[in-house]
């Protein structure tokens, strides 16, 4: 039988909470900026980068402390995030081409890069920073899911994708920084791509969950 959904928490509650919180520091950088608390260059330097470093340290610690479920779910989250991002970006690119989006389906990534670097939109340095942040968010969203859900049915991943989409729809249209040029195409592209992302991470998480304690995924 597969491990239970909350097995990672039961295995080591403190390590579970620390890992989940560390993963959440990636999106926290953007949220703190939008709330006007701390500008993004500082949140990345003093919140996200330490959080990502801490997350890697927790992965090593979980392995040494013989926490196979947490270790397996962290690794599963990395794999799920990379595959989910591949599907997500592919979906956005295809829909952007089909719908003829003049601003491009990845307009927000240039905005992220500009917020991070202070460079104008479309600058090479800014775009690299924006894509790196996009990668960080995709992987950490998947890790947050796999830590909690593990072997849950794939459609739990779809629900997670839907939750991310709801958050995006609440934040982007009302933000003077991230407001999309055209709302209807934005919703179509965003809704579909998040559904694909959630489905992929749900499938990967379920497939890679250990079949019994002590078996690494």
N, C-alpha and C. Protein backbone atom coordinates (compact mmCIF):
# COMPACT_ATOMS: atom_id res chain seq x y z
N UNK A 1 0.84 -1.21 0.00
CA UNK A 1 0.00 0.00 0.00
C UNK A 1 0.87 1.26 0.00
N UNK A 2 0.36 2.31 -0.60
CA UNK A 2 1.09 3.56 -0.59
C UNK A 2 0.97 4.21 0.78
N UNK A 3 1.94 5.06 1.09
CA UNK A 3 1.92 5.80 2.34
C UNK A 3 0.70 6.72 2.37
N UNK A 4 0.27 7.11 3.55
CA UNK A 4 -0.88 8.00 3.66
C UNK A 4 -0.48 9.42 3.27
N UNK A 5 -1.47 10.22 2.96
CA UNK A 5 -1.22 11.58 2.49
C UNK A 5 -0.46 12.41 3.51
N UNK A 6 -0.79 12.30 4.78
CA UNK A 6 -0.16 13.12 5.82
C UNK A 6 1.02 12.42 6.48
N UNK A 7 1.55 11.40 5.84
CA UNK A 7 2.64 10.63 6.44
C UNK A 7 3.88 11.48 6.68
N UNK A 8 4.15 12.44 5.81
CA UNK A 8 5.35 13.28 5.97
C UNK A 8 5.25 14.11 7.24
N UNK A 9 4.07 14.62 7.54
CA UNK A 9 3.89 15.39 8.77
C UNK A 9 4.05 14.50 9.99
N UNK A 10 3.46 13.32 9.94
CA UNK A 10 3.55 12.42 11.08
C UNK A 10 4.98 11.90 11.29
N UNK A 11 5.73 11.80 10.22
CA UNK A 11 7.10 11.31 10.34
C UNK A 11 7.96 12.27 11.16
N UNK A 12 7.82 13.57 10.93
CA UNK A 12 8.59 14.57 11.67
C UNK A 12 7.91 15.92 11.50
N UNK A 13 6.97 16.27 12.40
CA UNK A 13 6.20 17.51 12.24
C UNK A 13 7.06 18.75 12.11
N UNK A 14 8.10 18.86 12.92
CA UNK A 14 8.93 20.06 12.88
C UNK A 14 9.66 20.19 11.55
N UNK A 15 10.25 19.10 11.08
CA UNK A 15 10.96 19.12 9.81
C UNK A 15 10.00 19.41 8.65
N UNK A 16 8.80 18.85 8.73
CA UNK A 16 7.78 19.10 7.71
C UNK A 16 7.44 20.58 7.62
N UNK A 17 7.16 21.20 8.76
CA UNK A 17 6.78 22.61 8.79
C UNK A 17 7.92 23.49 8.30
N UNK A 18 9.14 23.18 8.71
CA UNK A 18 10.29 23.96 8.28
C UNK A 18 10.48 23.87 6.76
N UNK A 19 10.33 22.66 6.22
CA UNK A 19 10.50 22.48 4.78
C UNK A 19 9.41 23.20 4.00
N UNK A 20 8.17 23.09 4.46
CA UNK A 20 7.06 23.75 3.77
C UNK A 20 7.23 25.27 3.82
N UNK A 21 7.62 25.77 4.99
CA UNK A 21 7.83 27.21 5.13
C UNK A 21 8.98 27.72 4.27
N UNK A 22 10.05 26.93 4.19
CA UNK A 22 11.19 27.33 3.36
C UNK A 22 10.78 27.40 1.89
N UNK A 23 9.98 26.44 1.45
CA UNK A 23 9.51 26.45 0.06
C UNK A 23 8.63 27.68 -0.21
N UNK A 24 7.87 28.10 0.78
CA UNK A 24 6.96 29.23 0.59
C UNK A 24 7.68 30.57 0.49
N UNK A 25 8.98 30.62 0.83
CA UNK A 25 9.69 31.90 0.77
C UNK A 25 9.86 32.40 -0.66
N UNK A 26 9.74 31.53 -1.65
CA UNK A 26 9.89 31.98 -3.03
C UNK A 26 8.75 32.93 -3.42
N UNK A 27 7.53 32.49 -3.27
CA UNK A 27 6.40 33.35 -3.62
C UNK A 27 6.26 34.50 -2.63
N UNK A 28 6.78 34.32 -1.41
CA UNK A 28 6.70 35.38 -0.40
C UNK A 28 7.41 36.65 -0.87
N UNK A 29 8.47 36.49 -1.67
CA UNK A 29 9.20 37.66 -2.16
C UNK A 29 8.29 38.57 -2.97
N UNK A 30 7.49 37.99 -3.86
CA UNK A 30 6.58 38.79 -4.68
C UNK A 30 5.45 39.38 -3.85
N UNK A 31 4.88 38.57 -2.96
CA UNK A 31 3.75 39.03 -2.16
C UNK A 31 4.15 40.19 -1.26
N UNK A 32 5.33 40.10 -0.65
CA UNK A 32 5.79 41.18 0.22
C UNK A 32 6.03 42.46 -0.57
N UNK A 33 6.50 42.31 -1.80
CA UNK A 33 6.70 43.49 -2.66
C UNK A 33 5.35 44.13 -3.01
N UNK A 34 4.39 43.31 -3.42
CA UNK A 34 3.08 43.84 -3.82
C UNK A 34 2.35 44.48 -2.65
N UNK A 35 2.60 43.98 -1.45
CA UNK A 35 1.98 44.56 -0.25
C UNK A 35 2.69 45.84 0.20
N UNK A 36 3.81 46.15 -0.43
CA UNK A 36 4.56 47.35 -0.07
C UNK A 36 5.37 47.21 1.19
N UNK A 37 5.62 45.97 1.62
CA UNK A 37 6.37 45.75 2.86
C UNK A 37 7.87 45.87 2.61
N UNK A 38 8.38 45.09 1.65
CA UNK A 38 9.80 45.10 1.30
C UNK A 38 9.91 44.96 -0.21
N UNK A 39 10.77 45.75 -0.82
CA UNK A 39 10.96 45.65 -2.27
C UNK A 39 11.61 44.32 -2.64
N UNK A 40 11.32 43.87 -3.85
CA UNK A 40 11.69 42.52 -4.26
C UNK A 40 13.19 42.22 -4.21
N UNK A 41 14.07 43.14 -4.59
CA UNK A 41 15.49 42.81 -4.48
C UNK A 41 15.90 42.43 -3.06
N UNK A 42 15.27 43.06 -2.07
CA UNK A 42 15.62 42.77 -0.68
C UNK A 42 14.96 41.49 -0.19
N UNK A 43 13.71 41.25 -0.63
CA UNK A 43 13.06 40.01 -0.21
C UNK A 43 13.78 38.80 -0.79
N UNK A 44 14.25 38.92 -2.03
CA UNK A 44 15.00 37.81 -2.63
C UNK A 44 16.30 37.58 -1.88
N UNK A 45 16.97 38.67 -1.52
CA UNK A 45 18.28 38.55 -0.87
C UNK A 45 18.17 38.05 0.56
N UNK A 46 17.14 38.50 1.27
CA UNK A 46 17.07 38.22 2.70
C UNK A 46 15.95 37.26 3.10
N UNK A 47 15.11 36.87 2.14
CA UNK A 47 14.04 35.92 2.44
C UNK A 47 14.15 34.68 1.55
N UNK A 48 14.07 34.90 0.23
CA UNK A 48 14.01 33.76 -0.69
C UNK A 48 15.32 32.99 -0.78
N UNK A 49 16.43 33.67 -1.02
CA UNK A 49 17.70 32.96 -1.15
C UNK A 49 18.08 32.20 0.12
N UNK A 50 17.95 32.81 1.31
CA UNK A 50 18.17 32.02 2.52
C UNK A 50 17.18 30.86 2.65
N UNK A 51 15.93 31.10 2.23
CA UNK A 51 14.93 30.04 2.30
C UNK A 51 15.27 28.87 1.41
N UNK A 52 15.74 29.15 0.19
CA UNK A 52 16.10 28.08 -0.74
C UNK A 52 17.33 27.32 -0.24
N UNK A 53 18.29 28.06 0.31
CA UNK A 53 19.48 27.42 0.89
C UNK A 53 19.09 26.52 2.05
N UNK A 54 18.20 27.03 2.89
CA UNK A 54 17.73 26.26 4.04
C UNK A 54 16.99 25.01 3.58
N UNK A 55 16.23 25.13 2.50
CA UNK A 55 15.48 23.98 1.99
C UNK A 55 16.43 22.87 1.53
N UNK A 56 17.51 23.24 0.86
CA UNK A 56 18.51 22.24 0.45
C UNK A 56 19.14 21.60 1.68
N UNK A 57 19.45 22.41 2.68
CA UNK A 57 20.02 21.87 3.92
C UNK A 57 19.05 20.90 4.60
N UNK A 58 17.76 21.22 4.56
CA UNK A 58 16.75 20.33 5.16
C UNK A 58 16.67 19.01 4.41
N UNK A 59 16.85 19.05 3.10
CA UNK A 59 16.85 17.81 2.32
C UNK A 59 18.01 16.91 2.76
N UNK A 60 19.18 17.51 2.92
CA UNK A 60 20.34 16.74 3.39
C UNK A 60 20.10 16.23 4.80
N UNK A 61 19.56 17.10 5.66
CA UNK A 61 19.29 16.71 7.05
C UNK A 61 18.27 15.58 7.12
N UNK A 62 17.22 15.66 6.31
CA UNK A 62 16.19 14.62 6.32
C UNK A 62 16.78 13.27 5.93
N UNK A 63 17.70 13.28 4.99
CA UNK A 63 18.35 12.04 4.59
C UNK A 63 19.20 11.47 5.70
N UNK A 64 19.98 12.33 6.35
CA UNK A 64 20.87 11.86 7.42
C UNK A 64 20.09 11.46 8.67
N UNK A 65 18.93 12.08 8.88
CA UNK A 65 18.12 11.78 10.06
C UNK A 65 17.18 10.61 9.83
N UNK A 66 17.32 9.95 8.69
CA UNK A 66 16.48 8.79 8.34
C UNK A 66 15.00 9.18 8.33
N UNK A 67 14.69 10.18 7.51
CA UNK A 67 13.30 10.59 7.30
C UNK A 67 12.98 10.31 5.83
N UNK A 68 12.77 9.05 5.46
CA UNK A 68 12.63 8.69 4.05
C UNK A 68 11.40 9.30 3.37
N UNK A 69 10.33 9.50 4.12
CA UNK A 69 9.12 10.03 3.49
C UNK A 69 9.32 11.50 3.12
N UNK A 70 9.83 12.29 4.06
CA UNK A 70 10.08 13.70 3.77
C UNK A 70 11.13 13.84 2.67
N UNK A 71 12.20 13.05 2.76
CA UNK A 71 13.24 13.09 1.73
C UNK A 71 12.65 12.76 0.37
N UNK A 72 11.85 11.70 0.32
CA UNK A 72 11.24 11.30 -0.95
C UNK A 72 10.31 12.35 -1.51
N UNK A 73 9.55 13.00 -0.64
CA UNK A 73 8.60 14.01 -1.13
C UNK A 73 9.30 15.28 -1.60
N UNK A 74 10.41 15.63 -0.95
CA UNK A 74 11.17 16.78 -1.42
C UNK A 74 11.75 16.50 -2.81
N UNK A 75 12.27 15.31 -2.99
CA UNK A 75 12.80 14.94 -4.31
C UNK A 75 11.69 14.85 -5.34
N UNK A 76 10.57 14.30 -4.93
CA UNK A 76 9.43 14.23 -5.84
C UNK A 76 8.96 15.62 -6.25
N UNK A 77 8.98 16.54 -5.29
CA UNK A 77 8.58 17.91 -5.58
C UNK A 77 9.47 18.56 -6.62
N UNK A 78 10.77 18.29 -6.53
CA UNK A 78 11.70 18.84 -7.52
C UNK A 78 11.37 18.30 -8.91
N UNK A 79 11.20 16.98 -9.00
CA UNK A 79 10.87 16.37 -10.30
C UNK A 79 9.52 16.86 -10.81
N UNK A 80 8.53 16.90 -9.92
CA UNK A 80 7.20 17.34 -10.32
C UNK A 80 7.21 18.79 -10.77
N UNK A 81 7.97 19.62 -10.06
CA UNK A 81 8.03 21.03 -10.42
C UNK A 81 8.64 21.25 -11.79
N UNK A 82 9.73 20.54 -12.09
CA UNK A 82 10.38 20.71 -13.39
C UNK A 82 9.49 20.22 -14.53
N UNK A 83 8.86 19.06 -14.33
CA UNK A 83 7.96 18.54 -15.36
C UNK A 83 6.71 19.40 -15.49
N UNK A 84 6.20 19.84 -14.34
CA UNK A 84 5.02 20.70 -14.36
C UNK A 84 5.29 22.02 -15.06
N UNK A 85 6.47 22.60 -14.83
CA UNK A 85 6.83 23.85 -15.49
C UNK A 85 6.96 23.66 -17.00
N UNK A 86 7.52 22.53 -17.40
CA UNK A 86 7.65 22.25 -18.83
C UNK A 86 6.27 22.22 -19.49
N UNK A 87 5.34 21.53 -18.83
CA UNK A 87 3.97 21.46 -19.36
C UNK A 87 3.28 22.82 -19.29
N UNK A 88 3.48 23.52 -18.20
CA UNK A 88 2.87 24.84 -18.00
C UNK A 88 3.34 25.83 -19.07
N UNK A 89 4.66 25.90 -19.26
CA UNK A 89 5.20 26.84 -20.24
C UNK A 89 4.79 26.47 -21.66
N UNK A 90 4.77 25.16 -21.94
CA UNK A 90 4.34 24.72 -23.26
C UNK A 90 2.90 25.09 -23.54
N UNK A 91 2.05 24.93 -22.52
CA UNK A 91 0.64 25.28 -22.67
C UNK A 91 0.47 26.77 -22.92
N UNK A 92 1.19 27.58 -22.15
CA UNK A 92 1.10 29.04 -22.33
C UNK A 92 1.58 29.46 -23.71
N UNK A 93 2.66 28.84 -24.17
CA UNK A 93 3.21 29.20 -25.48
C UNK A 93 2.22 28.86 -26.59
N UNK A 94 1.65 27.65 -26.52
CA UNK A 94 0.69 27.23 -27.56
C UNK A 94 -0.54 28.13 -27.55
N UNK A 95 -1.10 28.37 -26.38
CA UNK A 95 -2.30 29.21 -26.31
C UNK A 95 -2.00 30.64 -26.72
N UNK A 96 -0.81 31.13 -26.35
CA UNK A 96 -0.42 32.47 -26.75
C UNK A 96 -0.37 32.61 -28.27
N UNK A 97 0.13 31.56 -28.93
CA UNK A 97 0.20 31.57 -30.40
C UNK A 97 -1.19 31.47 -31.01
N UNK A 98 -2.03 30.59 -30.44
CA UNK A 98 -3.38 30.39 -30.97
C UNK A 98 -4.23 31.65 -30.82
N UNK A 99 -4.10 32.29 -29.65
CA UNK A 99 -4.93 33.47 -29.37
C UNK A 99 -4.30 34.75 -29.90
N UNK A 100 -3.08 34.66 -30.39
CA UNK A 100 -2.41 35.84 -30.94
C UNK A 100 -2.19 36.93 -29.92
N UNK A 101 -1.67 36.56 -28.75
CA UNK A 101 -1.44 37.55 -27.70
C UNK A 101 -0.29 38.46 -28.08
N UNK A 102 -0.59 39.73 -28.29
CA UNK A 102 0.44 40.67 -28.69
C UNK A 102 1.49 40.90 -27.62
N UNK A 103 1.06 40.85 -26.34
CA UNK A 103 1.99 41.08 -25.24
C UNK A 103 2.80 39.84 -24.90
N UNK A 104 2.42 38.70 -25.49
CA UNK A 104 3.14 37.47 -25.19
C UNK A 104 2.56 36.79 -23.96
N UNK A 105 2.60 35.46 -23.92
CA UNK A 105 2.03 34.72 -22.79
C UNK A 105 2.89 34.76 -21.54
N UNK A 106 4.11 35.30 -21.66
CA UNK A 106 5.03 35.32 -20.53
C UNK A 106 5.38 36.74 -20.11
N UNK A 107 4.43 37.66 -20.30
CA UNK A 107 4.72 39.06 -20.01
C UNK A 107 5.11 39.29 -18.56
N UNK A 108 4.52 38.51 -17.64
CA UNK A 108 4.78 38.73 -16.22
C UNK A 108 6.22 38.39 -15.85
N UNK A 109 6.86 37.50 -16.61
CA UNK A 109 8.24 37.12 -16.30
C UNK A 109 9.17 38.31 -16.50
N UNK A 110 8.93 39.09 -17.55
CA UNK A 110 9.72 40.31 -17.76
C UNK A 110 9.50 41.30 -16.63
N UNK A 111 8.26 41.34 -16.13
CA UNK A 111 7.97 42.24 -15.00
C UNK A 111 8.71 41.77 -13.76
N UNK A 112 8.70 40.47 -13.49
CA UNK A 112 9.46 39.94 -12.35
C UNK A 112 10.92 40.36 -12.46
N UNK A 113 11.49 40.17 -13.65
CA UNK A 113 12.90 40.49 -13.85
C UNK A 113 13.19 41.96 -13.62
N UNK A 114 12.27 42.83 -14.07
CA UNK A 114 12.45 44.26 -13.87
C UNK A 114 12.37 44.62 -12.39
N UNK A 115 11.43 44.00 -11.67
CA UNK A 115 11.31 44.25 -10.24
C UNK A 115 12.55 43.80 -9.49
N UNK A 116 13.12 42.68 -9.92
CA UNK A 116 14.28 42.12 -9.23
C UNK A 116 15.55 42.92 -9.50
N UNK A 117 15.76 43.29 -10.76
CA UNK A 117 17.03 43.91 -11.15
C UNK A 117 16.99 45.43 -11.26
N UNK A 118 15.79 45.99 -11.41
CA UNK A 118 15.68 47.42 -11.65
C UNK A 118 15.95 47.81 -13.08
N UNK A 119 16.15 46.82 -13.95
CA UNK A 119 16.40 47.07 -15.37
C UNK A 119 15.08 47.27 -16.10
N UNK A 120 15.12 47.91 -17.29
CA UNK A 120 13.89 48.09 -18.08
C UNK A 120 13.30 46.75 -18.51
N UNK A 121 12.01 46.74 -18.79
CA UNK A 121 11.35 45.53 -19.27
C UNK A 121 12.02 45.04 -20.55
N UNK A 122 12.26 43.74 -20.62
CA UNK A 122 12.85 43.15 -21.81
C UNK A 122 14.36 43.14 -21.84
N UNK A 123 15.01 43.70 -20.82
CA UNK A 123 16.48 43.66 -20.80
C UNK A 123 16.95 42.23 -20.58
N UNK A 124 18.07 41.83 -21.18
CA UNK A 124 18.55 40.45 -21.04
C UNK A 124 18.76 40.04 -19.58
N UNK A 125 19.38 40.92 -18.81
CA UNK A 125 19.63 40.60 -17.39
C UNK A 125 18.31 40.43 -16.65
N UNK A 126 17.38 41.32 -16.91
CA UNK A 126 16.08 41.23 -16.26
C UNK A 126 15.33 39.97 -16.65
N UNK A 127 15.38 39.61 -17.92
CA UNK A 127 14.68 38.40 -18.37
C UNK A 127 15.28 37.14 -17.75
N UNK A 128 16.60 37.10 -17.62
CA UNK A 128 17.24 35.94 -16.97
C UNK A 128 16.78 35.84 -15.52
N UNK A 129 16.77 36.98 -14.83
CA UNK A 129 16.31 36.99 -13.43
C UNK A 129 14.85 36.58 -13.33
N UNK A 130 14.04 37.07 -14.27
CA UNK A 130 12.61 36.73 -14.26
C UNK A 130 12.37 35.25 -14.48
N UNK A 131 13.08 34.66 -15.43
CA UNK A 131 12.92 33.22 -15.68
C UNK A 131 13.44 32.39 -14.51
N UNK A 132 14.51 32.85 -13.88
CA UNK A 132 15.02 32.13 -12.70
C UNK A 132 13.99 32.15 -11.58
N UNK A 133 13.34 33.30 -11.40
CA UNK A 133 12.31 33.39 -10.36
C UNK A 133 11.10 32.54 -10.72
N UNK A 134 10.74 32.52 -11.98
CA UNK A 134 9.64 31.67 -12.45
C UNK A 134 9.95 30.20 -12.17
N UNK A 135 11.18 29.78 -12.42
CA UNK A 135 11.59 28.41 -12.13
C UNK A 135 11.51 28.12 -10.64
N UNK A 136 11.97 29.07 -9.83
CA UNK A 136 11.92 28.90 -8.38
C UNK A 136 10.49 28.72 -7.89
N UNK A 137 9.58 29.55 -8.40
CA UNK A 137 8.18 29.44 -7.98
C UNK A 137 7.57 28.10 -8.39
N UNK A 138 7.82 27.68 -9.62
CA UNK A 138 7.24 26.43 -10.09
C UNK A 138 7.69 25.24 -9.27
N UNK A 139 8.99 25.18 -8.98
CA UNK A 139 9.52 24.05 -8.21
C UNK A 139 9.01 24.09 -6.78
N UNK A 140 9.01 25.27 -6.16
CA UNK A 140 8.59 25.34 -4.76
C UNK A 140 7.08 25.13 -4.60
N UNK A 141 6.28 25.58 -5.57
CA UNK A 141 4.85 25.27 -5.51
C UNK A 141 4.64 23.75 -5.53
N UNK A 142 5.43 23.06 -6.35
CA UNK A 142 5.31 21.60 -6.42
C UNK A 142 5.76 20.95 -5.12
N UNK A 143 6.84 21.45 -4.54
CA UNK A 143 7.32 20.90 -3.27
C UNK A 143 6.29 21.10 -2.17
N UNK A 144 5.68 22.28 -2.13
CA UNK A 144 4.64 22.53 -1.14
C UNK A 144 3.50 21.52 -1.29
N UNK A 145 3.19 21.19 -2.53
CA UNK A 145 2.13 20.20 -2.78
C UNK A 145 2.56 18.80 -2.37
N UNK A 146 3.72 18.36 -2.84
CA UNK A 146 4.12 16.97 -2.58
C UNK A 146 4.34 16.70 -1.10
N UNK A 147 4.82 17.70 -0.36
CA UNK A 147 4.99 17.50 1.07
C UNK A 147 3.67 17.18 1.75
N UNK A 148 2.62 17.85 1.32
CA UNK A 148 1.31 17.65 1.94
C UNK A 148 0.58 16.45 1.36
N UNK A 149 0.53 16.38 0.04
CA UNK A 149 -0.37 15.42 -0.62
C UNK A 149 0.26 14.06 -0.90
N UNK A 150 1.54 14.04 -1.26
CA UNK A 150 2.20 12.77 -1.54
C UNK A 150 1.45 11.92 -2.54
N UNK A 151 0.91 10.76 -2.11
CA UNK A 151 0.28 9.82 -3.03
C UNK A 151 -1.20 10.08 -3.30
N UNK A 152 -1.67 11.28 -2.97
CA UNK A 152 -3.09 11.58 -3.18
C UNK A 152 -3.46 11.42 -4.65
N UNK A 153 -4.75 11.28 -4.92
CA UNK A 153 -5.22 11.18 -6.30
C UNK A 153 -4.74 12.37 -7.13
N UNK A 154 -4.55 12.14 -8.43
CA UNK A 154 -3.98 13.17 -9.29
C UNK A 154 -4.81 14.45 -9.28
N UNK A 155 -6.11 14.30 -9.09
CA UNK A 155 -6.95 15.49 -9.16
C UNK A 155 -6.78 16.40 -7.94
N UNK A 156 -6.10 15.92 -6.90
CA UNK A 156 -5.72 16.83 -5.81
C UNK A 156 -4.72 17.85 -6.35
N UNK A 157 -3.85 17.39 -7.25
CA UNK A 157 -2.94 18.32 -7.90
C UNK A 157 -3.69 19.34 -8.74
N UNK A 158 -4.74 18.89 -9.41
CA UNK A 158 -5.57 19.80 -10.19
C UNK A 158 -6.20 20.86 -9.29
N UNK A 159 -6.64 20.43 -8.11
CA UNK A 159 -7.20 21.39 -7.15
C UNK A 159 -6.15 22.39 -6.68
N UNK A 160 -4.92 21.92 -6.50
CA UNK A 160 -3.83 22.82 -6.11
C UNK A 160 -3.58 23.83 -7.23
N UNK A 161 -3.58 23.36 -8.46
CA UNK A 161 -3.45 24.28 -9.59
C UNK A 161 -4.58 25.29 -9.63
N UNK A 162 -5.80 24.85 -9.31
CA UNK A 162 -6.94 25.76 -9.28
C UNK A 162 -6.78 26.80 -8.17
N UNK A 163 -6.24 26.38 -7.03
CA UNK A 163 -6.01 27.32 -5.93
C UNK A 163 -4.99 28.38 -6.33
N UNK A 164 -3.94 27.96 -7.03
CA UNK A 164 -2.95 28.91 -7.52
C UNK A 164 -3.57 29.87 -8.53
N UNK A 165 -4.46 29.35 -9.36
CA UNK A 165 -5.13 30.19 -10.35
C UNK A 165 -6.03 31.22 -9.68
N UNK A 166 -6.78 30.81 -8.66
CA UNK A 166 -7.64 31.75 -7.94
C UNK A 166 -6.80 32.86 -7.33
N UNK A 167 -5.67 32.49 -6.72
CA UNK A 167 -4.79 33.50 -6.14
C UNK A 167 -4.28 34.46 -7.21
N UNK A 168 -3.94 33.92 -8.36
CA UNK A 168 -3.45 34.75 -9.46
C UNK A 168 -4.53 35.72 -9.94
N UNK A 169 -5.76 35.23 -10.06
CA UNK A 169 -6.85 36.08 -10.52
C UNK A 169 -7.20 37.16 -9.50
N UNK A 170 -6.96 36.88 -8.23
CA UNK A 170 -7.21 37.88 -7.20
C UNK A 170 -6.13 38.96 -7.18
N UNK A 171 -4.90 38.57 -7.53
CA UNK A 171 -3.77 39.48 -7.41
C UNK A 171 -3.50 40.26 -8.70
N UNK A 172 -3.40 39.57 -9.83
CA UNK A 172 -2.92 40.21 -11.05
C UNK A 172 -3.83 41.33 -11.57
N UNK A 173 -5.13 41.07 -11.79
CA UNK A 173 -5.97 42.14 -12.36
C UNK A 173 -6.06 43.38 -11.48
N UNK A 174 -5.93 43.21 -10.17
CA UNK A 174 -6.06 44.35 -9.25
C UNK A 174 -4.72 45.04 -8.98
N UNK A 175 -3.64 44.51 -9.53
CA UNK A 175 -2.31 45.07 -9.28
C UNK A 175 -1.93 46.05 -10.38
N UNK A 176 -1.47 47.22 -10.00
CA UNK A 176 -1.00 48.19 -11.00
C UNK A 176 0.28 47.72 -11.67
N UNK A 177 0.99 46.80 -11.03
CA UNK A 177 2.26 46.30 -11.57
C UNK A 177 2.03 45.13 -12.51
N UNK A 178 1.15 44.20 -12.12
CA UNK A 178 1.00 42.94 -12.85
C UNK A 178 -0.28 42.86 -13.68
N UNK A 179 -1.07 43.93 -13.73
CA UNK A 179 -2.34 43.88 -14.45
C UNK A 179 -2.13 43.47 -15.91
N UNK A 180 -2.85 42.44 -16.38
CA UNK A 180 -2.66 41.98 -17.77
C UNK A 180 -3.22 42.99 -18.77
N UNK A 181 -2.62 43.06 -19.97
CA UNK A 181 -3.12 43.99 -21.00
C UNK A 181 -4.55 43.69 -21.42
N UNK A 182 -4.92 42.41 -21.48
CA UNK A 182 -6.29 42.01 -21.87
C UNK A 182 -6.74 40.91 -20.92
N UNK A 183 -7.86 41.13 -20.24
CA UNK A 183 -8.25 40.21 -19.17
C UNK A 183 -8.73 38.86 -19.69
N UNK A 184 -9.60 38.85 -20.70
CA UNK A 184 -10.19 37.59 -21.16
C UNK A 184 -9.14 36.59 -21.65
N UNK A 185 -8.23 36.97 -22.55
CA UNK A 185 -7.19 36.02 -22.96
C UNK A 185 -6.30 35.60 -21.80
N UNK A 186 -6.03 36.53 -20.90
CA UNK A 186 -5.21 36.22 -19.73
C UNK A 186 -5.85 35.11 -18.91
N UNK A 187 -7.16 35.20 -18.68
CA UNK A 187 -7.86 34.19 -17.89
C UNK A 187 -7.83 32.83 -18.59
N UNK A 188 -8.06 32.81 -19.89
CA UNK A 188 -8.04 31.54 -20.64
C UNK A 188 -6.68 30.88 -20.55
N UNK A 189 -5.62 31.64 -20.81
CA UNK A 189 -4.27 31.09 -20.79
C UNK A 189 -3.88 30.67 -19.38
N UNK A 190 -4.16 31.52 -18.41
CA UNK A 190 -3.76 31.24 -17.03
C UNK A 190 -4.52 30.05 -16.46
N UNK A 191 -5.82 30.00 -16.69
CA UNK A 191 -6.64 28.90 -16.17
C UNK A 191 -6.20 27.56 -16.74
N UNK A 192 -6.00 27.52 -18.05
CA UNK A 192 -5.61 26.27 -18.70
C UNK A 192 -4.23 25.82 -18.27
N UNK A 193 -3.28 26.74 -18.23
CA UNK A 193 -1.90 26.37 -17.89
C UNK A 193 -1.77 25.93 -16.44
N UNK A 194 -2.52 26.55 -15.54
CA UNK A 194 -2.47 26.11 -14.14
C UNK A 194 -3.15 24.76 -13.96
N UNK A 195 -4.19 24.50 -14.75
CA UNK A 195 -4.82 23.18 -14.70
C UNK A 195 -3.84 22.10 -15.16
N UNK A 196 -3.10 22.39 -16.22
CA UNK A 196 -2.10 21.43 -16.71
C UNK A 196 -0.99 21.25 -15.69
N UNK A 197 -0.50 22.35 -15.13
CA UNK A 197 0.56 22.29 -14.12
C UNK A 197 0.13 21.43 -12.94
N UNK A 198 -1.07 21.70 -12.41
CA UNK A 198 -1.56 20.95 -11.26
C UNK A 198 -1.74 19.48 -11.56
N UNK A 199 -2.25 19.17 -12.74
CA UNK A 199 -2.44 17.77 -13.12
C UNK A 199 -1.11 17.03 -13.19
N UNK A 200 -0.11 17.67 -13.78
CA UNK A 200 1.20 17.02 -13.91
C UNK A 200 1.83 16.78 -12.54
N UNK A 201 1.82 17.78 -11.67
CA UNK A 201 2.46 17.56 -10.37
C UNK A 201 1.66 16.54 -9.55
N UNK A 202 0.34 16.51 -9.72
CA UNK A 202 -0.45 15.50 -9.03
C UNK A 202 -0.11 14.10 -9.48
N UNK A 203 0.07 13.91 -10.79
CA UNK A 203 0.43 12.60 -11.33
C UNK A 203 1.83 12.19 -10.90
N UNK A 204 2.79 13.11 -11.00
CA UNK A 204 4.17 12.79 -10.63
C UNK A 204 4.27 12.47 -9.15
N UNK A 205 3.61 13.27 -8.33
CA UNK A 205 3.65 13.04 -6.88
C UNK A 205 3.08 11.67 -6.52
N UNK A 206 1.98 11.31 -7.16
CA UNK A 206 1.36 10.01 -6.87
C UNK A 206 2.25 8.86 -7.32
N UNK A 207 2.82 8.97 -8.50
CA UNK A 207 3.65 7.88 -9.04
C UNK A 207 4.93 7.71 -8.23
N UNK A 208 5.53 8.82 -7.78
CA UNK A 208 6.82 8.76 -7.12
C UNK A 208 6.74 8.54 -5.62
N UNK A 209 5.55 8.49 -5.05
CA UNK A 209 5.44 8.27 -3.61
C UNK A 209 5.90 6.87 -3.25
N UNK A 210 6.67 6.72 -2.17
CA UNK A 210 7.13 5.39 -1.76
C UNK A 210 5.97 4.44 -1.52
N UNK A 211 6.18 3.17 -1.82
CA UNK A 211 5.14 2.17 -1.59
C UNK A 211 5.08 1.73 -0.14
N UNK A 212 6.15 1.99 0.58
CA UNK A 212 6.16 1.67 2.01
C UNK A 212 7.24 2.51 2.67
N UNK A 213 7.17 2.77 3.99
CA UNK A 213 8.19 3.55 4.65
C UNK A 213 9.56 2.92 4.44
N UNK A 214 10.53 3.81 4.18
CA UNK A 214 11.88 3.34 3.99
C UNK A 214 12.26 3.19 2.54
N UNK A 215 11.29 3.24 1.63
CA UNK A 215 11.59 3.15 0.20
C UNK A 215 11.62 4.56 -0.36
N UNK A 216 12.73 4.96 -0.90
CA UNK A 216 12.88 6.32 -1.41
C UNK A 216 12.24 6.42 -2.78
N UNK A 217 11.66 7.60 -3.05
CA UNK A 217 11.06 7.80 -4.36
C UNK A 217 12.10 8.26 -5.34
